[in-house]
Amino acid sequence: MAESDWDMVTVLHKKRPSAAQDKSKQAVLAAQRKGEDVETSKKWAADPEGPDHENQREAQVITDYKSGKAIPNHQVLRKIERAISLKLQGRDISRPLKKAPKGR
């Protein structure tokens, strides 16, 4: 019989998961179960749909109002009036918005 060389060891590793797989909820839960260190952080100021998403949503509301698909909301109409400085509701429709006097 041939003698075995006990000093020589072959270790096989599985391929390390990609960064996207590391961040998945399943990967985090598996790491927690194994007792591994898991670092988590929350991005509070980030908009999940991107920086222009808010402007797209506002434009969609105006488009829906113009096409008659949306039921007018008076609070939203007031915000639009202030933004464009024109009356959109009431007696003075399409006239310039009068600025209210500032309080003392």
N, C-alpha and C. Protein backbone atom coordinates (compact mmCIF):
# COMPACT_ATOMS: atom_id res chain seq x y z
N MET A 1 0.80 -1.18 0.00
CA MET A 1 0.00 0.00 0.00
C MET A 1 0.85 1.25 0.00
N ALA A 2 0.32 2.28 -0.67
CA ALA A 2 1.04 3.55 -0.69
C ALA A 2 0.74 4.32 0.57
N GLU A 3 1.76 5.00 0.99
CA GLU A 3 1.56 5.78 2.21
C GLU A 3 0.81 7.07 1.86
N SER A 4 -0.06 7.52 2.78
CA SER A 4 -0.81 8.76 2.59
C SER A 4 0.00 9.93 3.11
N ASP A 5 -0.05 11.03 2.38
CA ASP A 5 0.63 12.25 2.81
C ASP A 5 -0.37 13.09 3.59
N TRP A 6 -0.28 13.03 4.91
CA TRP A 6 -1.25 13.70 5.76
C TRP A 6 -1.03 15.21 5.82
N ASP A 7 0.08 15.70 5.36
CA ASP A 7 0.36 17.14 5.39
C ASP A 7 -0.34 17.88 4.26
N MET A 8 -0.67 17.18 3.24
CA MET A 8 -1.28 17.81 2.09
C MET A 8 -2.81 17.68 2.20
N VAL A 9 -3.50 18.82 2.18
CA VAL A 9 -4.95 18.83 2.33
C VAL A 9 -5.55 19.63 1.18
N THR A 10 -6.58 19.12 0.58
CA THR A 10 -7.31 19.82 -0.46
C THR A 10 -8.62 20.31 0.13
N VAL A 11 -8.84 21.61 0.02
CA VAL A 11 -10.06 22.20 0.56
C VAL A 11 -10.87 22.75 -0.60
N LEU A 12 -12.09 22.33 -0.70
CA LEU A 12 -12.99 22.81 -1.75
C LEU A 12 -13.94 23.84 -1.14
N HIS A 13 -14.06 24.98 -1.80
CA HIS A 13 -14.96 26.05 -1.35
C HIS A 13 -16.08 26.24 -2.35
N LYS A 14 -17.22 26.57 -1.83
CA LYS A 14 -18.31 26.95 -2.71
C LYS A 14 -18.04 28.37 -3.18
N LYS A 15 -18.56 28.70 -4.34
CA LYS A 15 -18.41 30.05 -4.87
C LYS A 15 -19.14 31.03 -3.96
N ARG A 16 -18.48 32.12 -3.62
CA ARG A 16 -19.07 33.13 -2.75
C ARG A 16 -20.24 33.79 -3.48
N PRO A 17 -21.36 34.04 -2.78
CA PRO A 17 -22.51 34.68 -3.44
C PRO A 17 -22.19 36.11 -3.87
N SER A 18 -22.87 36.57 -4.89
CA SER A 18 -22.66 37.93 -5.38
C SER A 18 -23.19 38.93 -4.36
N ALA A 19 -22.86 40.20 -4.58
CA ALA A 19 -23.29 41.25 -3.65
C ALA A 19 -24.82 41.34 -3.59
N ALA A 20 -25.47 41.17 -4.74
CA ALA A 20 -26.93 41.24 -4.76
C ALA A 20 -27.54 40.10 -3.95
N GLN A 21 -26.94 38.91 -4.05
CA GLN A 21 -27.45 37.77 -3.30
C GLN A 21 -27.17 37.94 -1.81
N ASP A 22 -26.04 38.58 -1.47
CA ASP A 22 -25.71 38.82 -0.06
C ASP A 22 -26.74 39.72 0.60
N LYS A 23 -27.32 40.63 -0.18
CA LYS A 23 -28.24 41.61 0.38
C LYS A 23 -29.68 41.10 0.43
N SER A 24 -29.95 39.95 -0.14
CA SER A 24 -31.32 39.46 -0.15
C SER A 24 -31.78 39.11 1.26
N LYS A 25 -33.06 39.15 1.47
CA LYS A 25 -33.61 38.87 2.79
C LYS A 25 -33.28 37.44 3.23
N GLN A 26 -33.32 36.50 2.29
CA GLN A 26 -32.99 35.11 2.62
C GLN A 26 -31.54 34.98 3.08
N ALA A 27 -30.63 35.68 2.40
CA ALA A 27 -29.22 35.60 2.78
C ALA A 27 -28.99 36.20 4.16
N VAL A 28 -29.67 37.29 4.46
CA VAL A 28 -29.54 37.92 5.78
C VAL A 28 -30.07 36.99 6.87
N LEU A 29 -31.23 36.40 6.63
CA LEU A 29 -31.80 35.49 7.62
C LEU A 29 -30.92 34.26 7.83
N ALA A 30 -30.35 33.73 6.74
CA ALA A 30 -29.47 32.56 6.85
C ALA A 30 -28.22 32.92 7.65
N ALA A 31 -27.66 34.10 7.41
CA ALA A 31 -26.47 34.53 8.15
C ALA A 31 -26.79 34.72 9.64
N GLN A 32 -27.97 35.26 9.93
CA GLN A 32 -28.37 35.44 11.33
C GLN A 32 -28.53 34.09 12.02
N ARG A 33 -29.10 33.11 11.31
CA ARG A 33 -29.27 31.78 11.90
C ARG A 33 -27.93 31.12 12.21
N LYS A 34 -26.94 31.38 11.35
CA LYS A 34 -25.61 30.80 11.56
C LYS A 34 -24.82 31.54 12.63
N GLY A 35 -25.33 32.70 13.06
CA GLY A 35 -24.63 33.48 14.07
C GLY A 35 -23.56 34.40 13.49
N GLU A 36 -23.59 34.61 12.19
CA GLU A 36 -22.61 35.49 11.55
C GLU A 36 -22.98 36.94 11.79
N ASP A 37 -21.99 37.82 11.67
CA ASP A 37 -22.24 39.25 11.82
C ASP A 37 -22.99 39.76 10.60
N VAL A 38 -24.02 40.54 10.85
CA VAL A 38 -24.83 41.12 9.78
C VAL A 38 -24.93 42.61 10.04
N GLU A 39 -24.54 43.39 9.05
CA GLU A 39 -24.64 44.84 9.17
C GLU A 39 -25.81 45.32 8.33
N THR A 40 -26.67 46.09 8.93
CA THR A 40 -27.80 46.63 8.18
C THR A 40 -27.81 48.14 8.36
N SER A 41 -28.25 48.83 7.32
CA SER A 41 -28.40 50.28 7.39
C SER A 41 -29.59 50.67 6.55
N LYS A 42 -30.25 51.73 6.94
CA LYS A 42 -31.44 52.19 6.26
C LYS A 42 -31.16 53.54 5.64
N LYS A 43 -31.57 53.73 4.41
CA LYS A 43 -31.41 55.00 3.74
C LYS A 43 -32.71 55.77 3.88
N TRP A 44 -32.70 56.77 4.74
CA TRP A 44 -33.94 57.49 5.05
C TRP A 44 -34.30 58.52 4.00
N ALA A 45 -33.34 59.17 3.41
CA ALA A 45 -33.64 60.27 2.49
C ALA A 45 -33.82 59.80 1.06
N ALA A 46 -33.56 58.56 0.80
CA ALA A 46 -33.61 58.06 -0.58
C ALA A 46 -35.05 57.75 -0.99
N ASP A 47 -35.38 58.13 -2.21
CA ASP A 47 -36.68 57.79 -2.78
C ASP A 47 -36.51 56.49 -3.55
N PRO A 48 -37.28 55.45 -3.21
CA PRO A 48 -37.06 54.16 -3.86
C PRO A 48 -37.28 54.15 -5.36
N GLU A 49 -38.08 55.06 -5.85
CA GLU A 49 -38.34 55.08 -7.29
C GLU A 49 -37.44 56.05 -8.03
N GLY A 50 -36.55 56.73 -7.36
CA GLY A 50 -35.62 57.64 -8.01
C GLY A 50 -35.91 59.09 -7.70
N PRO A 51 -34.96 59.97 -8.02
CA PRO A 51 -35.10 61.37 -7.65
C PRO A 51 -36.21 62.11 -8.40
N ASP A 52 -36.54 61.67 -9.61
CA ASP A 52 -37.57 62.36 -10.40
C ASP A 52 -38.96 61.80 -10.18
N HIS A 53 -39.09 60.80 -9.33
CA HIS A 53 -40.38 60.14 -9.15
C HIS A 53 -41.43 61.09 -8.61
N GLU A 54 -41.06 61.97 -7.67
CA GLU A 54 -42.03 62.92 -7.09
C GLU A 54 -42.58 63.84 -8.17
N ASN A 55 -41.72 64.34 -9.05
CA ASN A 55 -42.18 65.22 -10.13
C ASN A 55 -43.08 64.46 -11.10
N GLN A 56 -42.79 63.21 -11.37
CA GLN A 56 -43.62 62.42 -12.27
C GLN A 56 -45.00 62.19 -11.66
N ARG A 57 -45.04 61.96 -10.33
CA ARG A 57 -46.32 61.74 -9.66
C ARG A 57 -47.18 63.00 -9.73
N GLU A 58 -46.54 64.18 -9.49
CA GLU A 58 -47.28 65.44 -9.55
C GLU A 58 -47.80 65.68 -10.96
N ALA A 59 -46.97 65.44 -11.95
CA ALA A 59 -47.40 65.62 -13.34
C ALA A 59 -48.55 64.68 -13.67
N GLN A 60 -48.52 63.46 -13.12
CA GLN A 60 -49.58 62.50 -13.38
C GLN A 60 -50.90 62.98 -12.78
N VAL A 61 -50.85 63.60 -11.59
CA VAL A 61 -52.07 64.13 -10.96
C VAL A 61 -52.67 65.20 -11.84
N ILE A 62 -51.85 66.11 -12.35
CA ILE A 62 -52.34 67.19 -13.22
C ILE A 62 -52.93 66.60 -14.50
N THR A 63 -52.26 65.62 -15.07
CA THR A 63 -52.76 64.97 -16.29
C THR A 63 -54.11 64.30 -16.03
N ASP A 64 -54.24 63.64 -14.88
CA ASP A 64 -55.50 62.98 -14.54
C ASP A 64 -56.62 64.01 -14.33
N TYR A 65 -56.30 65.15 -13.72
CA TYR A 65 -57.32 66.21 -13.54
C TYR A 65 -57.77 66.74 -14.90
N LYS A 66 -56.81 67.01 -15.79
CA LYS A 66 -57.15 67.56 -17.09
C LYS A 66 -57.98 66.60 -17.93
N SER A 67 -57.71 65.30 -17.82
CA SER A 67 -58.43 64.33 -18.63
C SER A 67 -59.75 63.90 -17.98
N GLY A 68 -60.00 64.32 -16.74
CA GLY A 68 -61.24 63.97 -16.06
C GLY A 68 -61.21 62.61 -15.40
N LYS A 69 -60.03 62.00 -15.28
CA LYS A 69 -59.91 60.68 -14.67
C LYS A 69 -59.88 60.73 -13.15
N ALA A 70 -59.48 61.88 -12.59
CA ALA A 70 -59.33 61.99 -11.13
C ALA A 70 -60.40 62.90 -10.56
N ILE A 71 -60.82 62.61 -9.35
CA ILE A 71 -61.76 63.47 -8.64
C ILE A 71 -60.95 64.58 -7.98
N PRO A 72 -61.28 65.85 -8.24
CA PRO A 72 -60.48 66.95 -7.69
C PRO A 72 -60.44 66.94 -6.16
N ASN A 73 -59.26 67.15 -5.64
CA ASN A 73 -59.04 67.27 -4.21
C ASN A 73 -58.70 68.74 -3.95
N HIS A 74 -59.46 69.38 -3.08
CA HIS A 74 -59.30 70.82 -2.87
C HIS A 74 -57.93 71.17 -2.29
N GLN A 75 -57.36 70.31 -1.48
CA GLN A 75 -56.03 70.59 -0.93
C GLN A 75 -54.98 70.56 -2.03
N VAL A 76 -55.10 69.61 -2.95
CA VAL A 76 -54.15 69.53 -4.06
C VAL A 76 -54.34 70.72 -4.98
N LEU A 77 -55.58 71.10 -5.23
CA LEU A 77 -55.84 72.26 -6.09
C LEU A 77 -55.25 73.53 -5.49
N ARG A 78 -55.33 73.68 -4.16
CA ARG A 78 -54.74 74.85 -3.50
C ARG A 78 -53.22 74.88 -3.70
N LYS A 79 -52.59 73.72 -3.60
CA LYS A 79 -51.14 73.66 -3.81
C LYS A 79 -50.78 74.02 -5.24
N ILE A 80 -51.57 73.55 -6.19
CA ILE A 80 -51.32 73.87 -7.60
C ILE A 80 -51.53 75.36 -7.82
N GLU A 81 -52.59 75.93 -7.22
CA GLU A 81 -52.84 77.37 -7.34
C GLU A 81 -51.64 78.17 -6.85
N ARG A 82 -51.11 77.80 -5.70
CA ARG A 82 -49.95 78.53 -5.17
C ARG A 82 -48.73 78.38 -6.08
N ALA A 83 -48.57 77.21 -6.68
CA ALA A 83 -47.41 76.96 -7.54
C ALA A 83 -47.47 77.78 -8.82
N ILE A 84 -48.67 77.92 -9.40
CA ILE A 84 -48.79 78.64 -10.68
C ILE A 84 -49.32 80.06 -10.52
N SER A 85 -49.67 80.45 -9.28
CA SER A 85 -50.17 81.79 -8.96
C SER A 85 -51.43 82.16 -9.73
N LEU A 86 -52.30 81.18 -9.95
CA LEU A 86 -53.60 81.41 -10.60
C LEU A 86 -54.68 80.69 -9.82
N LYS A 87 -55.89 81.29 -9.81
CA LYS A 87 -57.03 80.65 -9.16
C LYS A 87 -57.57 79.54 -10.06
N LEU A 88 -57.80 78.37 -9.47
CA LEU A 88 -58.35 77.23 -10.20
C LEU A 88 -59.75 76.87 -9.74
N GLN A 89 -60.21 77.49 -8.65
CA GLN A 89 -61.54 77.18 -8.12
C GLN A 89 -62.15 78.44 -7.55
N GLY A 90 -63.47 78.44 -7.45
CA GLY A 90 -64.16 79.60 -6.89
C GLY A 90 -64.59 80.58 -7.96
N ARG A 91 -64.89 81.81 -7.51
CA ARG A 91 -65.41 82.83 -8.42
C ARG A 91 -64.37 83.39 -9.40
N ASP A 92 -63.17 83.54 -8.94
CA ASP A 92 -62.14 84.22 -9.74
C ASP A 92 -61.25 83.26 -10.51
N ILE A 93 -61.85 82.24 -11.11
CA ILE A 93 -61.06 81.24 -11.84
C ILE A 93 -60.25 81.92 -12.94
N SER A 94 -59.00 81.51 -13.08
CA SER A 94 -58.01 81.96 -14.06
C SER A 94 -57.49 83.38 -13.81
N ARG A 95 -57.84 83.96 -12.70
CA ARG A 95 -57.27 85.27 -12.34
C ARG A 95 -56.05 85.06 -11.47
N PRO A 96 -55.14 86.03 -11.44
CA PRO A 96 -53.95 85.89 -10.60
C PRO A 96 -54.33 85.70 -9.13
N LEU A 97 -53.58 84.89 -8.46
CA LEU A 97 -53.82 84.59 -7.06
C LEU A 97 -53.36 85.76 -6.22
N LYS A 98 -54.25 86.25 -5.35
CA LYS A 98 -53.89 87.35 -4.46
C LYS A 98 -53.15 86.77 -3.27
N LYS A 99 -52.01 87.35 -2.97
CA LYS A 99 -51.24 86.88 -1.83
C LYS A 99 -51.86 87.40 -0.54
N ALA A 100 -52.00 86.52 0.43
CA ALA A 100 -52.57 86.90 1.73
C ALA A 100 -51.54 87.73 2.48
N PRO A 101 -52.01 88.73 3.25
CA PRO A 101 -51.05 89.53 4.04
C PRO A 101 -50.41 88.65 5.11
N LYS A 102 -49.12 88.90 5.35
CA LYS A 102 -48.41 88.11 6.34
C LYS A 102 -48.79 88.58 7.74
N GLY A 103 -48.85 87.59 8.66
CA GLY A 103 -49.20 87.90 10.05
C GLY A 103 -48.08 88.64 10.75
N ARG A 104 -48.44 89.23 11.90
CA ARG A 104 -47.45 90.02 12.63
C ARG A 104 -46.53 89.18 13.41
